[in-house]
N, C-alpha and C. Protein backbone atom coordinates (compact mmCIF):
# COMPACT_ATOMS: atom_id res chain seq x y z
N UNK A 1 -20.44 1.42 33.56
CA UNK A 1 -21.10 2.47 32.83
C UNK A 1 -21.37 1.97 31.40
N UNK A 2 -22.58 2.05 30.91
CA UNK A 2 -22.89 1.65 29.54
C UNK A 2 -22.10 2.49 28.54
N UNK A 3 -21.87 1.91 27.38
CA UNK A 3 -21.08 2.58 26.35
C UNK A 3 -21.68 3.93 25.99
N UNK A 4 -22.98 3.99 25.79
CA UNK A 4 -23.63 5.25 25.39
C UNK A 4 -23.40 6.34 26.43
N UNK A 5 -23.46 5.98 27.70
CA UNK A 5 -23.22 6.97 28.75
C UNK A 5 -21.77 7.44 28.72
N UNK A 6 -20.86 6.50 28.47
CA UNK A 6 -19.45 6.87 28.38
C UNK A 6 -19.18 7.80 27.22
N UNK A 7 -19.89 7.61 26.12
CA UNK A 7 -19.71 8.48 24.96
C UNK A 7 -20.15 9.91 25.27
N UNK A 8 -21.13 10.06 26.15
CA UNK A 8 -21.58 11.41 26.51
C UNK A 8 -20.53 12.13 27.34
N UNK A 9 -19.90 11.41 28.24
CA UNK A 9 -18.92 12.05 29.12
C UNK A 9 -17.52 12.08 28.50
N UNK A 10 -17.25 11.17 27.56
CA UNK A 10 -15.95 11.11 26.90
C UNK A 10 -16.16 10.94 25.39
N UNK A 11 -16.58 12.00 24.71
CA UNK A 11 -16.85 11.87 23.27
C UNK A 11 -15.57 11.61 22.48
N UNK A 12 -15.74 10.99 21.32
CA UNK A 12 -14.60 10.73 20.44
C UNK A 12 -14.06 12.04 19.89
N UNK A 13 -12.74 12.16 19.78
CA UNK A 13 -12.19 13.32 19.09
C UNK A 13 -12.71 13.36 17.65
N UNK A 14 -12.86 14.53 17.09
CA UNK A 14 -13.44 14.69 15.76
C UNK A 14 -12.65 13.96 14.68
N UNK A 15 -11.35 13.79 14.88
CA UNK A 15 -10.51 13.15 13.86
C UNK A 15 -10.39 11.64 14.03
N UNK A 16 -11.19 11.04 14.89
CA UNK A 16 -11.08 9.60 15.18
C UNK A 16 -12.40 8.88 14.97
N UNK A 17 -12.31 7.65 14.45
CA UNK A 17 -13.50 6.80 14.35
C UNK A 17 -13.60 5.88 15.56
N UNK A 18 -12.48 5.74 16.29
CA UNK A 18 -12.46 4.97 17.53
C UNK A 18 -11.33 5.54 18.40
N UNK A 19 -11.37 5.18 19.65
CA UNK A 19 -10.35 5.68 20.57
C UNK A 19 -10.19 4.67 21.70
N UNK A 20 -8.97 4.15 21.85
CA UNK A 20 -8.73 3.18 22.90
C UNK A 20 -7.29 3.31 23.39
N UNK A 21 -6.86 2.37 24.20
CA UNK A 21 -5.52 2.44 24.77
C UNK A 21 -4.44 2.34 23.69
N UNK A 22 -4.72 1.63 22.59
CA UNK A 22 -3.74 1.53 21.50
C UNK A 22 -3.54 2.90 20.85
N UNK A 23 -4.60 3.67 20.73
CA UNK A 23 -4.49 5.02 20.17
C UNK A 23 -3.67 5.90 21.11
N UNK A 24 -3.91 5.78 22.39
CA UNK A 24 -3.13 6.53 23.38
C UNK A 24 -1.66 6.17 23.30
N UNK A 25 -1.36 4.88 23.19
CA UNK A 25 0.02 4.42 23.08
C UNK A 25 0.67 4.97 21.81
N UNK A 26 -0.05 4.92 20.70
CA UNK A 26 0.47 5.46 19.44
C UNK A 26 0.76 6.96 19.56
N UNK A 27 -0.16 7.70 20.16
CA UNK A 27 0.05 9.14 20.33
C UNK A 27 1.27 9.42 21.20
N UNK A 28 1.41 8.67 22.28
CA UNK A 28 2.55 8.86 23.18
C UNK A 28 3.86 8.51 22.47
N UNK A 29 3.88 7.39 21.75
CA UNK A 29 5.09 7.02 21.01
C UNK A 29 5.47 8.08 19.98
N UNK A 30 4.48 8.56 19.23
CA UNK A 30 4.76 9.60 18.24
C UNK A 30 5.30 10.87 18.90
N UNK A 31 4.73 11.23 20.03
CA UNK A 31 5.22 12.41 20.76
C UNK A 31 6.67 12.20 21.20
N UNK A 32 6.96 11.03 21.74
CA UNK A 32 8.32 10.75 22.22
C UNK A 32 9.31 10.72 21.05
N UNK A 33 8.93 10.09 19.95
CA UNK A 33 9.82 10.06 18.78
C UNK A 33 10.08 11.46 18.24
N UNK A 34 9.03 12.26 18.15
CA UNK A 34 9.21 13.64 17.66
C UNK A 34 10.11 14.44 18.60
N UNK A 35 9.95 14.25 19.89
CA UNK A 35 10.80 14.94 20.87
C UNK A 35 12.27 14.54 20.69
N UNK A 36 12.52 13.25 20.53
CA UNK A 36 13.89 12.77 20.32
C UNK A 36 14.45 13.34 19.01
N UNK A 37 13.66 13.26 17.94
CA UNK A 37 14.13 13.76 16.65
C UNK A 37 14.40 15.25 16.70
N UNK A 38 13.51 15.99 17.34
CA UNK A 38 13.71 17.44 17.44
C UNK A 38 14.96 17.76 18.25
N UNK A 39 15.25 16.95 19.26
CA UNK A 39 16.45 17.21 20.06
C UNK A 39 17.72 17.01 19.25
N UNK A 40 17.73 16.02 18.33
CA UNK A 40 18.94 15.84 17.51
C UNK A 40 19.03 16.91 16.43
N UNK A 41 17.89 17.44 15.99
CA UNK A 41 17.93 18.56 15.03
C UNK A 41 18.59 19.77 15.70
N UNK A 42 18.25 20.00 16.96
CA UNK A 42 18.75 21.18 17.67
C UNK A 42 20.11 20.98 18.32
N UNK A 43 20.67 19.78 18.25
CA UNK A 43 21.97 19.50 18.88
C UNK A 43 23.10 20.05 18.02
N UNK A 44 23.61 21.19 18.38
CA UNK A 44 24.68 21.85 17.61
C UNK A 44 26.05 21.26 17.94
N UNK A 45 26.11 20.34 18.91
CA UNK A 45 27.38 19.72 19.28
C UNK A 45 27.61 18.40 18.54
N UNK A 46 26.58 17.93 17.84
CA UNK A 46 26.72 16.67 17.09
C UNK A 46 27.70 16.89 15.94
N UNK A 47 28.70 16.06 15.89
CA UNK A 47 29.72 16.19 14.86
C UNK A 47 29.19 15.74 13.50
N UNK A 48 29.71 16.34 12.42
CA UNK A 48 29.29 15.92 11.08
C UNK A 48 29.54 14.43 10.88
N UNK A 49 28.68 13.81 10.12
CA UNK A 49 28.77 12.40 9.73
C UNK A 49 28.56 11.42 10.88
N UNK A 50 28.12 11.91 12.03
CA UNK A 50 27.76 11.00 13.12
C UNK A 50 26.28 10.63 12.96
N UNK A 51 25.88 9.50 13.52
CA UNK A 51 24.46 9.12 13.40
C UNK A 51 23.51 10.20 13.92
N UNK A 52 23.84 10.84 15.02
CA UNK A 52 22.96 11.89 15.56
C UNK A 52 22.80 13.03 14.57
N UNK A 53 23.88 13.47 13.98
CA UNK A 53 23.80 14.57 13.00
C UNK A 53 23.04 14.12 11.76
N UNK A 54 23.31 12.91 11.30
CA UNK A 54 22.63 12.43 10.09
C UNK A 54 21.12 12.30 10.31
N UNK A 55 20.73 11.77 11.45
CA UNK A 55 19.30 11.64 11.75
C UNK A 55 18.67 13.03 11.87
N UNK A 56 19.34 13.92 12.57
CA UNK A 56 18.82 15.28 12.73
C UNK A 56 18.69 16.00 11.39
N UNK A 57 19.69 15.89 10.55
CA UNK A 57 19.64 16.53 9.23
C UNK A 57 18.53 15.93 8.37
N UNK A 58 18.40 14.60 8.42
CA UNK A 58 17.36 13.94 7.64
C UNK A 58 15.98 14.39 8.09
N UNK A 59 15.75 14.40 9.40
CA UNK A 59 14.45 14.82 9.93
C UNK A 59 14.17 16.27 9.57
N UNK A 60 15.16 17.14 9.72
CA UNK A 60 14.97 18.56 9.39
C UNK A 60 14.62 18.72 7.91
N UNK A 61 15.27 17.96 7.05
CA UNK A 61 14.97 18.08 5.61
C UNK A 61 13.55 17.58 5.31
N UNK A 62 13.11 16.55 6.00
CA UNK A 62 11.77 16.03 5.78
C UNK A 62 10.70 17.01 6.26
N UNK A 63 11.03 17.81 7.25
CA UNK A 63 10.08 18.78 7.79
C UNK A 63 10.08 20.10 7.02
N UNK A 64 11.03 20.28 6.11
CA UNK A 64 11.13 21.51 5.33
C UNK A 64 10.16 21.44 4.15
N UNK A 65 8.89 21.66 4.43
CA UNK A 65 7.86 21.49 3.41
C UNK A 65 8.00 22.49 2.27
N UNK A 66 8.52 23.66 2.55
CA UNK A 66 8.75 24.63 1.48
C UNK A 66 9.73 24.09 0.45
N UNK A 67 10.81 23.50 0.92
CA UNK A 67 11.81 22.91 0.02
C UNK A 67 11.23 21.69 -0.70
N UNK A 68 10.45 20.89 0.00
CA UNK A 68 9.82 19.73 -0.63
C UNK A 68 8.88 20.16 -1.76
N UNK A 69 8.11 21.22 -1.51
CA UNK A 69 7.21 21.73 -2.55
C UNK A 69 8.00 22.26 -3.74
N UNK A 70 9.12 22.90 -3.46
CA UNK A 70 9.97 23.44 -4.53
C UNK A 70 10.57 22.31 -5.38
N UNK A 71 11.07 21.27 -4.74
CA UNK A 71 11.70 20.17 -5.45
C UNK A 71 10.69 19.27 -6.17
N UNK A 72 9.52 19.11 -5.55
CA UNK A 72 8.49 18.20 -6.06
C UNK A 72 9.08 16.82 -6.33
N UNK A 73 9.03 16.33 -7.54
CA UNK A 73 9.50 14.97 -7.84
C UNK A 73 10.90 14.93 -8.44
N UNK A 74 11.57 16.05 -8.55
CA UNK A 74 12.88 16.06 -9.22
C UNK A 74 13.91 15.11 -8.59
N UNK A 75 13.96 14.93 -7.28
CA UNK A 75 14.96 14.00 -6.72
C UNK A 75 14.76 12.54 -7.16
N UNK A 76 13.54 12.17 -7.51
CA UNK A 76 13.29 10.78 -7.90
C UNK A 76 12.86 10.68 -9.37
N UNK A 77 13.10 11.72 -10.13
CA UNK A 77 12.67 11.76 -11.53
C UNK A 77 13.22 10.57 -12.34
N UNK A 78 14.49 10.25 -12.18
CA UNK A 78 15.08 9.14 -12.92
C UNK A 78 14.46 7.80 -12.52
N UNK A 79 14.18 7.63 -11.23
CA UNK A 79 13.53 6.40 -10.78
C UNK A 79 12.13 6.28 -11.36
N UNK A 80 11.39 7.39 -11.42
CA UNK A 80 10.05 7.36 -11.99
C UNK A 80 10.09 7.01 -13.48
N UNK A 81 11.09 7.52 -14.18
CA UNK A 81 11.25 7.19 -15.60
C UNK A 81 11.51 5.69 -15.77
N UNK A 82 12.36 5.14 -14.89
CA UNK A 82 12.65 3.70 -14.95
C UNK A 82 11.38 2.89 -14.70
N UNK A 83 10.57 3.33 -13.76
CA UNK A 83 9.30 2.64 -13.47
C UNK A 83 8.38 2.71 -14.68
N UNK A 84 8.31 3.87 -15.30
CA UNK A 84 7.44 4.07 -16.46
C UNK A 84 7.84 3.18 -17.64
N UNK A 85 9.11 2.81 -17.71
CA UNK A 85 9.60 2.00 -18.82
C UNK A 85 9.38 0.50 -18.63
N UNK A 86 8.91 0.09 -17.47
CA UNK A 86 8.67 -1.33 -17.21
C UNK A 86 7.50 -1.81 -18.07
N UNK A 87 7.74 -2.88 -18.83
CA UNK A 87 6.72 -3.40 -19.74
C UNK A 87 6.36 -4.86 -19.46
N UNK A 88 7.06 -5.50 -18.55
CA UNK A 88 6.78 -6.91 -18.28
C UNK A 88 7.05 -7.23 -16.81
N UNK A 89 6.57 -8.38 -16.40
CA UNK A 89 6.81 -8.83 -15.03
C UNK A 89 8.30 -9.03 -14.78
N UNK A 90 9.00 -9.58 -15.76
CA UNK A 90 10.45 -9.78 -15.62
C UNK A 90 11.16 -8.45 -15.42
N UNK A 91 10.78 -7.45 -16.21
CA UNK A 91 11.39 -6.12 -16.06
C UNK A 91 11.07 -5.51 -14.70
N UNK A 92 9.86 -5.76 -14.21
CA UNK A 92 9.47 -5.25 -12.89
C UNK A 92 10.35 -5.86 -11.81
N UNK A 93 10.53 -7.17 -11.85
CA UNK A 93 11.37 -7.81 -10.83
C UNK A 93 12.82 -7.37 -10.94
N UNK A 94 13.28 -7.14 -12.15
CA UNK A 94 14.64 -6.63 -12.34
C UNK A 94 14.79 -5.23 -11.74
N UNK A 95 13.79 -4.40 -11.97
CA UNK A 95 13.83 -3.04 -11.41
C UNK A 95 13.77 -3.08 -9.88
N UNK A 96 12.90 -3.92 -9.33
CA UNK A 96 12.81 -4.03 -7.87
C UNK A 96 14.13 -4.51 -7.27
N UNK A 97 14.80 -5.44 -7.95
CA UNK A 97 16.11 -5.90 -7.48
C UNK A 97 17.12 -4.76 -7.53
N UNK A 98 17.09 -3.97 -8.60
CA UNK A 98 17.98 -2.81 -8.69
C UNK A 98 17.71 -1.82 -7.56
N UNK A 99 16.43 -1.53 -7.32
CA UNK A 99 16.07 -0.61 -6.24
C UNK A 99 16.55 -1.15 -4.90
N UNK A 100 16.41 -2.45 -4.70
CA UNK A 100 16.88 -3.05 -3.45
C UNK A 100 18.40 -2.89 -3.32
N UNK A 101 19.12 -3.15 -4.40
CA UNK A 101 20.58 -2.98 -4.39
C UNK A 101 20.99 -1.54 -4.12
N UNK A 102 20.16 -0.60 -4.58
CA UNK A 102 20.45 0.83 -4.39
C UNK A 102 19.93 1.34 -3.05
N UNK A 103 19.39 0.44 -2.23
CA UNK A 103 18.87 0.77 -0.89
C UNK A 103 17.67 1.71 -0.94
N UNK A 104 16.88 1.56 -1.99
CA UNK A 104 15.63 2.31 -2.11
C UNK A 104 14.56 1.47 -1.44
N UNK A 105 13.69 2.12 -0.66
CA UNK A 105 12.65 1.38 0.08
C UNK A 105 11.86 0.49 -0.87
N UNK A 106 11.68 -0.72 -0.47
CA UNK A 106 10.97 -1.68 -1.30
C UNK A 106 9.47 -1.48 -1.23
N UNK A 107 8.82 -1.70 -2.35
CA UNK A 107 7.37 -1.52 -2.44
C UNK A 107 6.64 -2.38 -1.42
N UNK A 108 7.05 -3.62 -1.27
CA UNK A 108 6.33 -4.51 -0.35
C UNK A 108 6.46 -4.06 1.09
N UNK A 109 7.59 -3.47 1.46
CA UNK A 109 7.73 -2.94 2.82
C UNK A 109 6.74 -1.81 3.05
N UNK A 110 6.59 -0.94 2.07
CA UNK A 110 5.66 0.17 2.18
C UNK A 110 4.23 -0.34 2.25
N UNK A 111 3.93 -1.36 1.45
CA UNK A 111 2.58 -1.92 1.47
C UNK A 111 2.26 -2.54 2.81
N UNK A 112 3.22 -3.17 3.46
CA UNK A 112 2.94 -3.80 4.75
C UNK A 112 2.62 -2.76 5.82
N UNK A 113 3.15 -1.54 5.69
CA UNK A 113 2.80 -0.49 6.64
C UNK A 113 1.33 -0.12 6.51
N UNK A 114 0.81 -0.14 5.29
CA UNK A 114 -0.57 0.24 5.05
C UNK A 114 -1.56 -0.83 5.47
N UNK A 115 -1.15 -2.08 5.48
CA UNK A 115 -2.07 -3.15 5.83
C UNK A 115 -2.02 -3.52 7.31
N UNK A 116 -1.01 -3.00 7.98
CA UNK A 116 -0.88 -3.31 9.40
C UNK A 116 -0.16 -4.61 9.68
N UNK A 117 0.28 -5.30 8.62
CA UNK A 117 0.99 -6.56 8.84
C UNK A 117 2.45 -6.27 9.17
N UNK A 118 3.09 -7.21 9.79
CA UNK A 118 4.47 -7.03 10.20
C UNK A 118 5.38 -7.76 9.22
N UNK A 119 5.69 -7.16 8.09
CA UNK A 119 6.47 -7.89 7.10
C UNK A 119 7.73 -7.28 6.87
């Protein structure tokens, strides 16, 4: 079947510029991950300080958009001030090392998610 004919019978979803098996796999993985995360949120038998409870609590807090809107940037206010005070490359690398020591997500890790590279 020519591509144009396929587009008539299987149009692209409005929110997509392309659609293929990789998109289907991504959607399925996201659905499965959300199902797993939601199950640990709802697991009332998970003991405090266990990985299941910690993951469930973390996911629930991330989904609490009302609380996130209320807090805005206050949880990271001190980190933002430290970033604002950086005036040189040396200070930047020192701050990044501090953030790494404090187990704060590294900038380069976040950037690799946006570029699709596996870093």
